[in-house]
Amino acid sequence: MSCCGQKRLALVNGVAPARASTRGGGAAYQASFLVGANRLRDGGRPSSDIVLRYLGVGLFSSRGARSGRLYSCDGTGATLDVDPSDVEGLLRTRLFAR
């Protein structure tokens, strides 16, 4: 049975389909997929990311409206590496500063 057929059958039976293994294997492949064409800085973030500082109190978690990236931090003063397309939206919340 083809891959698509297995997934369809799993959905009908209420069973989670098995995942195919990644090409080239593991974390290196996944990291290159997440980063895309951007080169990594020494800290492991894409070179195009912008650092914002959290001004709020308590935990923060949100998904970037444009990039779809998940951002979370654990308290006042924490820094986030933010995709440039999400910067303006996060700054508008008044919970972040450059």
PDB file of N, CA and C in Angstrom:
ATOM      1  N   MET A   1       0.852  -1.174   0.000  1.00  0.00           N
ATOM      2  CA  MET A   1       0.000   0.000   0.000  1.00  0.00           C
ATOM      3  C   MET A   1       0.892   1.230   0.000  1.00  0.00           C
ATOM      4  N   SER A   2       0.462   2.238  -0.719  1.00  0.00           N
ATOM      5  CA  SER A   2       1.265   3.455  -0.789  1.00  0.00           C
ATOM      6  C   SER A   2       1.215   4.203   0.537  1.00  0.00           C
ATOM      7  N   CYS A   3       2.112   5.153   0.690  1.00  0.00           N
ATOM      8  CA  CYS A   3       2.188   5.966   1.907  1.00  0.00           C
ATOM      9  C   CYS A   3       0.863   6.677   2.170  1.00  0.00           C
ATOM     10  N   CYS A   4       0.293   7.299   1.156  1.00  0.00           N
ATOM     11  CA  CYS A   4      -0.966   8.032   1.320  1.00  0.00           C
ATOM     12  C   CYS A   4      -2.093   7.093   1.713  1.00  0.00           C
ATOM     13  N   GLY A   5      -2.105   5.911   1.164  1.00  0.00           N
ATOM     14  CA  GLY A   5      -3.130   4.936   1.505  1.00  0.00           C
ATOM     15  C   GLY A   5      -3.039   4.509   2.961  1.00  0.00           C
ATOM     16  N   GLN A   6      -1.826   4.364   3.463  1.00  0.00           N
ATOM     17  CA  GLN A   6      -1.631   3.989   4.865  1.00  0.00           C
ATOM     18  C   GLN A   6      -2.144   5.079   5.784  1.00  0.00           C
ATOM     19  N   LYS A   7      -1.900   6.314   5.431  1.00  0.00           N
ATOM     20  CA  LYS A   7      -2.357   7.427   6.263  1.00  0.00           C
ATOM     21  C   LYS A   7      -3.882   7.505   6.271  1.00  0.00           C
ATOM     22  N   ARG A   8      -4.481   7.319   5.101  1.00  0.00           N
ATOM     23  CA  ARG A   8      -5.940   7.344   5.010  1.00  0.00           C
ATOM     24  C   ARG A   8      -6.550   6.229   5.849  1.00  0.00           C
ATOM     25  N   LEU A   9      -6.004   5.020   5.740  1.00  0.00           N
ATOM     26  CA  LEU A   9      -6.487   3.881   6.494  1.00  0.00           C
ATOM     27  C   LEU A   9      -6.328   4.125   7.992  1.00  0.00           C
ATOM     28  N   ALA A  10      -5.207   4.711   8.396  1.00  0.00           N
ATOM     29  CA  ALA A  10      -4.977   5.001   9.810  1.00  0.00           C
ATOM     30  C   ALA A  10      -6.002   6.002  10.337  1.00  0.00           C
ATOM     31  N   LEU A  11      -6.346   6.998   9.537  1.00  0.00           N
ATOM     32  CA  LEU A  11      -7.354   7.968   9.949  1.00  0.00           C
ATOM     33  C   LEU A  11      -8.712   7.316  10.126  1.00  0.00           C
ATOM     34  N   VAL A  12      -9.074   6.428   9.214  1.00  0.00           N
ATOM     35  CA  VAL A  12     -10.363   5.730   9.294  1.00  0.00           C
ATOM     36  C   VAL A  12     -10.413   4.857  10.546  1.00  0.00           C
ATOM     37  N   ASN A  13      -9.299   4.195  10.863  1.00  0.00           N
ATOM     38  CA  ASN A  13      -9.254   3.289  12.013  1.00  0.00           C
ATOM     39  C   ASN A  13      -8.947   4.003  13.322  1.00  0.00           C
ATOM     40  N   GLY A  14      -8.666   5.294  13.265  1.00  0.00           N
ATOM     41  CA  GLY A  14      -8.375   6.046  14.485  1.00  0.00           C
ATOM     42  C   GLY A  14      -7.007   5.773  15.068  1.00  0.00           C
ATOM     43  N   VAL A  15      -6.075   5.355  14.242  1.00  0.00           N
ATOM     44  CA  VAL A  15      -4.715   5.052  14.676  1.00  0.00           C
ATOM     45  C   VAL A  15      -3.774   6.074  14.067  1.00  0.00           C
ATOM     46  N   ALA A  16      -2.795   6.537  14.822  1.00  0.00           N
ATOM     47  CA  ALA A  16      -1.816   7.482  14.291  1.00  0.00           C
ATOM     48  C   ALA A  16      -0.929   6.783  13.274  1.00  0.00           C
ATOM     49  N   PRO A  17      -0.761   7.369  12.085  1.00  0.00           N
ATOM     50  CA  PRO A  17       0.087   6.743  11.064  1.00  0.00           C
ATOM     51  C   PRO A  17       1.552   6.775  11.469  1.00  0.00           C
ATOM     52  N   ALA A  18       2.288   5.781  11.015  1.00  0.00           N
ATOM     53  CA  ALA A  18       3.730   5.746  11.275  1.00  0.00           C
ATOM     54  C   ALA A  18       4.397   6.834  10.474  1.00  0.00           C
ATOM     55  N   ARG A  19       5.422   7.439  11.036  1.00  0.00           N
ATOM     56  CA  ARG A  19       6.137   8.505  10.339  1.00  0.00           C
ATOM     57  C   ARG A  19       7.325   7.936   9.593  1.00  0.00           C
ATOM     58  N   ALA A  20       7.557   8.483   8.427  1.00  0.00           N
ATOM     59  CA  ALA A  20       8.714   8.068   7.640  1.00  0.00           C
ATOM     60  C   ALA A  20       9.969   8.670   8.248  1.00  0.00           C
ATOM     61  N   SER A  21      11.085   7.984   8.109  1.00  0.00           N
ATOM     62  CA  SER A  21      12.332   8.525   8.644  1.00  0.00           C
ATOM     63  C   SER A  21      12.787   9.701   7.793  1.00  0.00           C
ATOM     64  N   THR A  22      13.559  10.609   8.402  1.00  0.00           N
ATOM     65  CA  THR A  22      14.029  11.787   7.684  1.00  0.00           C
ATOM     66  C   THR A  22      15.233  11.439   6.832  1.00  0.00           C
ATOM     67  N   ARG A  23      15.364  12.114   5.706  1.00  0.00           N
ATOM     68  CA  ARG A  23      16.517  11.907   4.840  1.00  0.00           C
ATOM     69  C   ARG A  23      17.753  12.472   5.519  1.00  0.00           C
ATOM     70  N   GLY A  24      18.864  11.820   5.357  1.00  0.00           N
ATOM     71  CA  GLY A  24      20.103  12.345   5.880  1.00  0.00           C
ATOM     72  C   GLY A  24      20.167  12.275   7.387  1.00  0.00           C
ATOM     73  N   GLY A  25      19.096  11.916   8.028  1.00  0.00           N
ATOM     74  CA  GLY A  25      19.042  11.593   9.432  1.00  0.00           C
ATOM     75  C   GLY A  25      19.100  12.718  10.432  1.00  0.00           C
ATOM     76  N   GLY A  26      18.280  12.607  11.383  1.00  0.00           N
ATOM     77  CA  GLY A  26      18.316  13.263  12.658  1.00  0.00           C
ATOM     78  C   GLY A  26      18.305  14.766  12.757  1.00  0.00           C
ATOM     79  N   ALA A  27      18.954  15.221  13.821  1.00  0.00           N
ATOM     80  CA  ALA A  27      18.890  16.615  14.238  1.00  0.00           C
ATOM     81  C   ALA A  27      19.479  17.569  13.201  1.00  0.00           C
ATOM     82  N   ALA A  28      20.539  17.168  12.534  1.00  0.00           N
ATOM     83  CA  ALA A  28      21.159  18.060  11.553  1.00  0.00           C
ATOM     84  C   ALA A  28      20.191  18.350  10.412  1.00  0.00           C
ATOM     85  N   TYR A  29      19.494  17.323   9.946  1.00  0.00           N
ATOM     86  CA  TYR A  29      18.520  17.522   8.879  1.00  0.00           C
ATOM     87  C   TYR A  29      17.369  18.398   9.355  1.00  0.00           C
ATOM     88  N   GLN A  30      16.853  18.112  10.545  1.00  0.00           N
ATOM     89  CA  GLN A  30      15.735  18.887  11.075  1.00  0.00           C
ATOM     90  C   GLN A  30      16.131  20.333  11.288  1.00  0.00           C
ATOM     91  N   ALA A  31      17.322  20.583  11.809  1.00  0.00           N
ATOM     92  CA  ALA A  31      17.781  21.953  12.038  1.00  0.00           C
ATOM     93  C   ALA A  31      17.897  22.699  10.715  1.00  0.00           C
ATOM     94  N   SER A  32      18.404  22.043   9.689  1.00  0.00           N
ATOM     95  CA  SER A  32      18.537  22.718   8.402  1.00  0.00           C
ATOM     96  C   SER A  32      17.160  23.012   7.813  1.00  0.00           C
ATOM     97  N   PHE A  33      16.185  22.166   8.068  1.00  0.00           N
ATOM     98  CA  PHE A  33      14.831  22.390   7.589  1.00  0.00           C
ATOM     99  C   PHE A  33      14.209  23.580   8.294  1.00  0.00           C
ATOM    100  N   LEU A  34      14.376  23.679   9.612  1.00  0.00           N
ATOM    101  CA  LEU A  34      13.785  24.764  10.381  1.00  0.00           C
ATOM    102  C   LEU A  34      14.418  26.097  10.038  1.00  0.00           C
ATOM    103  N   VAL A  35      15.696  26.105   9.786  1.00  0.00           N
ATOM    104  CA  VAL A  35      16.403  27.346   9.528  1.00  0.00           C
ATOM    105  C   VAL A  35      16.247  27.776   8.077  1.00  0.00           C
ATOM    106  N   GLY A  36      16.062  26.842   7.182  1.00  0.00           N
ATOM    107  CA  GLY A  36      15.917  27.184   5.774  1.00  0.00           C
ATOM    108  C   GLY A  36      17.234  27.656   5.202  1.00  0.00           C
ATOM    109  N   ALA A  37      17.190  28.722   4.419  1.00  0.00           N
ATOM    110  CA  ALA A  37      18.382  29.211   3.736  1.00  0.00           C
ATOM    111  C   ALA A  37      19.237  30.111   4.620  1.00  0.00           C
ATOM    112  N   ASN A  38      18.733  30.502   5.785  1.00  0.00           N
ATOM    113  CA  ASN A  38      19.499  31.399   6.655  1.00  0.00           C
ATOM    114  C   ASN A  38      20.692  30.680   7.262  1.00  0.00           C
ATOM    115  N   ARG A  39      21.794  31.401   7.374  1.00  0.00           N
ATOM    116  CA  ARG A  39      22.967  30.843   8.047  1.00  0.00           C
ATOM    117  C   ARG A  39      22.820  31.053   9.545  1.00  0.00           C
ATOM    118  N   LEU A  40      23.415  30.137  10.312  1.00  0.00           N
ATOM    119  CA  LEU A  40      23.312  30.227  11.764  1.00  0.00           C
ATOM    120  C   LEU A  40      24.418  31.081  12.346  1.00  0.00           C
ATOM    121  N   ARG A  41      24.064  31.850  13.373  1.00  0.00           N
ATOM    122  CA  ARG A  41      25.073  32.564  14.154  1.00  0.00           C
ATOM    123  C   ARG A  41      25.679  31.581  15.129  1.00  0.00           C
ATOM    124  N   ASP A  42      26.669  32.010  15.879  1.00  0.00           N
ATOM    125  CA  ASP A  42      27.308  31.132  16.863  1.00  0.00           C
ATOM    126  C   ASP A  42      26.307  30.641  17.895  1.00  0.00           C
ATOM    127  N   GLY A  43      25.303  31.448  18.230  1.00  0.00           N
ATOM    128  CA  GLY A  43      24.311  31.077  19.233  1.00  0.00           C
ATOM    129  C   GLY A  43      23.265  30.115  18.720  1.00  0.00           C
ATOM    130  N   GLY A  44      23.310  29.749  17.451  1.00  0.00           N
ATOM    131  CA  GLY A  44      22.381  28.791  16.920  1.00  0.00           C
ATOM    132  C   GLY A  44      21.107  29.400  16.358  1.00  0.00           C
ATOM    133  N   ARG A  45      21.023  30.716  16.281  1.00  0.00           N
ATOM    134  CA  ARG A  45      19.828  31.335  15.707  1.00  0.00           C
ATOM    135  C   ARG A  45      20.137  31.801  14.293  1.00  0.00           C
ATOM    136  N   PRO A  46      19.128  31.881  13.431  1.00  0.00           N
ATOM    137  CA  PRO A  46      19.373  32.368  12.080  1.00  0.00           C
ATOM    138  C   PRO A  46      19.936  33.783  12.111  1.00  0.00           C
ATOM    139  N   SER A  47      20.825  34.101  11.199  1.00  0.00           N
ATOM    140  CA  SER A  47      21.500  35.392  11.203  1.00  0.00           C
ATOM    141  C   SER A  47      20.548  36.556  10.961  1.00  0.00           C
ATOM    142  N   SER A  48      19.364  36.286  10.438  1.00  0.00           N
ATOM    143  CA  SER A  48      18.428  37.374  10.172  1.00  0.00           C
ATOM    144  C   SER A  48      17.515  37.676  11.361  1.00  0.00           C
ATOM    145  N   ASP A  49      17.547  36.846  12.419  1.00  0.00           N
ATOM    146  CA  ASP A  49      16.684  37.063  13.584  1.00  0.00           C
ATOM    147  C   ASP A  49      17.012  38.358  14.304  1.00  0.00           C
ATOM    148  N   ILE A  50      15.992  38.938  14.923  1.00  0.00           N
ATOM    149  CA  ILE A  50      16.137  40.165  15.699  1.00  0.00           C
ATOM    150  C   ILE A  50      15.858  39.828  17.163  1.00  0.00           C
ATOM    151  N   VAL A  51      16.675  40.338  18.055  1.00  0.00           N
ATOM    152  CA  VAL A  51      16.520  40.038  19.476  1.00  0.00           C
ATOM    153  C   VAL A  51      15.588  41.065  20.117  1.00  0.00           C
ATOM    154  N   LEU A  52      14.532  40.568  20.774  1.00  0.00           N
ATOM    155  CA  LEU A  52      13.615  41.419  21.535  1.00  0.00           C
ATOM    156  C   LEU A  52      13.675  41.016  23.002  1.00  0.00           C
ATOM    157  N   ARG A  53      13.461  41.987  23.882  1.00  0.00           N
ATOM    158  CA  ARG A  53      13.468  41.751  25.325  1.00  0.00           C
ATOM    159  C   ARG A  53      12.033  41.791  25.841  1.00  0.00           C
ATOM    160  N   TYR A  54      11.664  40.797  26.650  1.00  0.00           N
ATOM    161  CA  TYR A  54      10.320  40.689  27.206  1.00  0.00           C
ATOM    162  C   TYR A  54      10.170  41.624  28.396  1.00  0.00           C
ATOM    163  N   LEU A  55       9.136  42.470  28.379  1.00  0.00           N
ATOM    164  CA  LEU A  55       8.887  43.439  29.446  1.00  0.00           C
ATOM    165  C   LEU A  55       7.769  42.998  30.386  1.00  0.00           C
ATOM    166  N   GLY A  56       7.010  41.999  29.988  1.00  0.00           N
ATOM    167  CA  GLY A  56       5.872  41.538  30.779  1.00  0.00           C
ATOM    168  C   GLY A  56       6.294  40.762  32.015  1.00  0.00           C
ATOM    169  N   VAL A  57       5.294  40.362  32.783  1.00  0.00           N
ATOM    170  CA  VAL A  57       5.517  39.585  34.000  1.00  0.00           C
ATOM    171  C   VAL A  57       4.947  38.184  33.775  1.00  0.00           C
ATOM    172  N   GLY A  58       5.661  37.180  34.189  1.00  0.00           N
ATOM    173  CA  GLY A  58       5.173  35.810  34.043  1.00  0.00           C
ATOM    174  C   GLY A  58       5.524  35.210  32.700  1.00  0.00           C
ATOM    175  N   LEU A  59       4.899  34.082  32.424  1.00  0.00           N
ATOM    176  CA  LEU A  59       5.179  33.348  31.203  1.00  0.00           C
ATOM    177  C   LEU A  59       4.539  34.010  29.996  1.00  0.00           C
ATOM    178  N   PHE A  60       5.174  33.850  28.844  1.00  0.00           N
ATOM    179  CA  PHE A  60       4.629  34.344  27.578  1.00  0.00           C
ATOM    180  C   PHE A  60       4.802  33.256  26.541  1.00  0.00           C
ATOM    181  N   SER A  61       3.765  33.028  25.759  1.00  0.00           N
ATOM    182  CA  SER A  61       3.838  32.079  24.665  1.00  0.00           C
ATOM    183  C   SER A  61       2.897  32.532  23.556  1.00  0.00           C
ATOM    184  N   SER A  62       3.397  32.563  22.326  1.00  0.00           N
ATOM    185  CA  SER A  62       2.582  32.988  21.196  1.00  0.00           C
ATOM    186  C   SER A  62       3.206  32.461  19.914  1.00  0.00           C
ATOM    187  N   ARG A  63       2.375  32.322  18.887  1.00  0.00           N
ATOM    188  CA  ARG A  63       2.868  31.917  17.573  1.00  0.00           C
ATOM    189  C   ARG A  63       2.938  33.153  16.692  1.00  0.00           C
ATOM    190  N   GLY A  64       4.031  33.330  15.984  1.00  0.00           N
ATOM    191  CA  GLY A  64       4.202  34.470  15.088  1.00  0.00           C
ATOM    192  C   GLY A  64       3.135  34.483  14.003  1.00  0.00           C
ATOM    193  N   ALA A  65       2.480  35.613  13.825  1.00  0.00           N
ATOM    194  CA  ALA A  65       1.383  35.715  12.867  1.00  0.00           C
ATOM    195  C   ALA A  65       1.848  35.496  11.436  1.00  0.00           C
ATOM    196  N   ARG A  66       3.047  35.910  11.113  1.00  0.00           N
ATOM    197  CA  ARG A  66       3.534  35.788   9.735  1.00  0.00           C
ATOM    198  C   ARG A  66       4.402  34.562   9.519  1.00  0.00           C
ATOM    199  N   SER A  67       5.322  34.294  10.427  1.00  0.00           N
ATOM    200  CA  SER A  67       6.247  33.179  10.225  1.00  0.00           C
ATOM    201  C   SER A  67       5.694  31.851  10.724  1.00  0.00           C
ATOM    202  N   GLY A  68       4.790  31.905  11.692  1.00  0.00           N
ATOM    203  CA  GLY A  68       4.268  30.680  12.279  1.00  0.00           C
ATOM    204  C   GLY A  68       5.165  30.095  13.353  1.00  0.00           C
ATOM    205  N   ARG A  69       6.288  30.764  13.652  1.00  0.00           N
ATOM    206  CA  ARG A  69       7.197  30.276  14.689  1.00  0.00           C
ATOM    207  C   ARG A  69       6.573  30.424  16.061  1.00  0.00           C
ATOM    208  N   LEU A  70       6.912  29.520  16.965  1.00  0.00           N
ATOM    209  CA  LEU A  70       6.432  29.581  18.334  1.00  0.00           C
ATOM    210  C   LEU A  70       7.451  30.344  19.176  1.00  0.00           C
ATOM    211  N   TYR A  71       6.965  31.369  19.879  1.00  0.00           N
ATOM    212  CA  TYR A  71       7.819  32.162  20.763  1.00  0.00           C
ATOM    213  C   TYR A  71       7.341  31.961  22.193  1.00  0.00           C
ATOM    214  N   SER A  72       8.282  31.725  23.105  1.00  0.00           N
ATOM    215  CA  SER A  72       7.927  31.616  24.516  1.00  0.00           C
ATOM    216  C   SER A  72       9.110  32.058  25.368  1.00  0.00           C
ATOM    217  N   CYS A  73       8.782  32.652  26.497  1.00  0.00           N
ATOM    218  CA  CYS A  73       9.819  33.039  27.456  1.00  0.00           C
ATOM    219  C   CYS A  73       9.231  32.935  28.854  1.00  0.00           C
ATOM    220  N   ASP A  74      10.108  32.936  29.848  1.00  0.00           N
ATOM    221  CA  ASP A  74       9.664  32.611  31.192  1.00  0.00           C
ATOM    222  C   ASP A  74       9.688  33.748  32.197  1.00  0.00           C
ATOM    223  N   GLY A  75       9.886  34.963  31.785  1.00  0.00           N
ATOM    224  CA  GLY A  75       9.819  36.049  32.752  1.00  0.00           C
ATOM    225  C   GLY A  75      10.428  37.337  32.258  1.00  0.00           C
ATOM    226  N   THR A  76      10.235  38.373  33.041  1.00  0.00           N
ATOM    227  CA  THR A  76      10.710  39.709  32.699  1.00  0.00           C
ATOM    228  C   THR A  76      12.201  39.701  32.400  1.00  0.00           C
ATOM    229  N   GLY A  77      12.567  40.381  31.324  1.00  0.00           N
ATOM    230  CA  GLY A  77      13.965  40.492  30.944  1.00  0.00           C
ATOM    231  C   GLY A  77      14.459  39.399  30.021  1.00  0.00           C
ATOM    232  N   ALA A  78      13.657  38.361  29.797  1.00  0.00           N
ATOM    233  CA  ALA A  78      14.065  37.286  28.902  1.00  0.00           C
ATOM    234  C   ALA A  78      14.182  37.834  27.482  1.00  0.00           C
ATOM    235  N   THR A  79      15.051  37.246  26.696  1.00  0.00           N
ATOM    236  CA  THR A  79      15.209  37.680  25.311  1.00  0.00           C
ATOM    237  C   THR A  79      14.686  36.607  24.366  1.00  0.00           C
ATOM    238  N   LEU A  80      14.161  37.065  23.248  1.00  0.00           N
ATOM    239  CA  LEU A  80      13.660  36.171  22.212  1.00  0.00           C
ATOM    240  C   LEU A  80      14.354  36.485  20.901  1.00  0.00           C
ATOM    241  N   ASP A  81      14.707  35.460  20.157  1.00  0.00           N
ATOM    242  CA  ASP A  81      15.210  35.608  18.796  1.00  0.00           C
ATOM    243  C   ASP A  81      13.992  35.533  17.890  1.00  0.00           C
ATOM    244  N   VAL A  82      13.663  36.661  17.249  1.00  0.00           N
ATOM    245  CA  VAL A  82      12.405  36.793  16.526  1.00  0.00           C
ATOM    246  C   VAL A  82      12.636  36.927  15.023  1.00  0.00           C
ATOM    247  N   ASP A  83      11.835  36.223  14.265  1.00  0.00           N
ATOM    248  CA  ASP A  83      11.865  36.354  12.810  1.00  0.00           C
ATOM    249  C   ASP A  83      11.502  37.795  12.454  1.00  0.00           C
ATOM    250  N   PRO A  84      12.212  38.431  11.530  1.00  0.00           N
ATOM    251  CA  PRO A  84      11.937  39.828  11.181  1.00  0.00           C
ATOM    252  C   PRO A  84      10.479  40.101  10.794  1.00  0.00           C
ATOM    253  N   SER A  85       9.813  39.128  10.219  1.00  0.00           N
ATOM    254  CA  SER A  85       8.423  39.343   9.816  1.00  0.00           C
ATOM    255  C   SER A  85       7.465  39.402  11.003  1.00  0.00           C
ATOM    256  N   ASP A  86       7.888  38.929  12.178  1.00  0.00           N
ATOM    257  CA  ASP A  86       7.033  38.934  13.371  1.00  0.00           C
ATOM    258  C   ASP A  86       7.339  40.076  14.337  1.00  0.00           C
ATOM    259  N   VAL A  87       8.422  40.814  14.098  1.00  0.00           N
ATOM    260  CA  VAL A  87       8.871  41.843  15.040  1.00  0.00           C
ATOM    261  C   VAL A  87       7.803  42.896  15.304  1.00  0.00           C
ATOM    262  N   GLU A  88       7.244  43.495  14.262  1.00  0.00           N
ATOM    263  CA  GLU A  88       6.271  44.576  14.446  1.00  0.00           C
ATOM    264  C   GLU A  88       5.052  44.111  15.241  1.00  0.00           C
ATOM    265  N   GLY A  89       4.568  42.909  14.960  1.00  0.00           N
ATOM    266  CA  GLY A  89       3.417  42.384  15.681  1.00  0.00           C
ATOM    267  C   GLY A  89       3.696  42.209  17.164  1.00  0.00           C
ATOM    268  N   LEU A  90       4.879  41.706  17.499  1.00  0.00           N
ATOM    269  CA  LEU A  90       5.229  41.535  18.911  1.00  0.00           C
ATOM    270  C   LEU A  90       5.452  42.879  19.594  1.00  0.00           C
ATOM    271  N   LEU A  91       6.061  43.832  18.900  1.00  0.00           N
ATOM    272  CA  LEU A  91       6.275  45.147  19.487  1.00  0.00           C
ATOM    273  C   LEU A  91       4.942  45.862  19.748  1.00  0.00           C
ATOM    274  N   ARG A  92       3.949  45.634  18.894  1.00  0.00           N
ATOM    275  CA  ARG A  92       2.624  46.253  19.080  1.00  0.00           C
ATOM    276  C   ARG A  92       1.931  45.787  20.358  1.00  0.00           C
ATOM    277  N   THR A  93       2.315  44.621  20.884  1.00  0.00           N
ATOM    278  CA  THR A  93       1.698  44.140  22.121  1.00  0.00           C
ATOM    279  C   THR A  93       2.165  44.947  23.339  1.00  0.00           C
ATOM    280  N   ARG A  94       3.226  45.727  23.148  1.00  0.00           N
ATOM    281  CA  ARG A  94       3.858  46.504  24.218  1.00  0.00           C
ATOM    282  C   ARG A  94       4.452  45.620  25.326  1.00  0.00           C
ATOM    283  N   LEU A  95       4.640  44.355  25.022  1.00  0.00           N
ATOM    284  CA  LEU A  95       5.273  43.427  25.967  1.00  0.00           C
ATOM    285  C   LEU A  95       6.747  43.219  25.635  1.00  0.00           C
ATOM    286  N   PHE A  96       7.211  43.843  24.526  1.00  0.00           N
ATOM    287  CA  PHE A  96       8.581  43.662  24.073  1.00  0.00           C
ATOM    288  C   PHE A  96       9.231  44.980  23.702  1.00  0.00           C
ATOM    289  N   ALA A  97      10.544  45.013  23.808  1.00  0.00           N
ATOM    290  CA  ALA A  97      11.345  46.154  23.373  1.00  0.00           C
ATOM    291  C   ALA A  97      12.557  45.618  22.634  1.00  0.00           C
ATOM    292  N   ARG A  98      13.100  46.482  21.753  1.00  0.00           N
ATOM    293  CA  ARG A  98      14.329  46.073  21.019  1.00  0.00           C
ATOM    294  C   ARG A  98      15.520  46.123  21.921  1.00  0.00           C
TER     295      ARG A  98
END
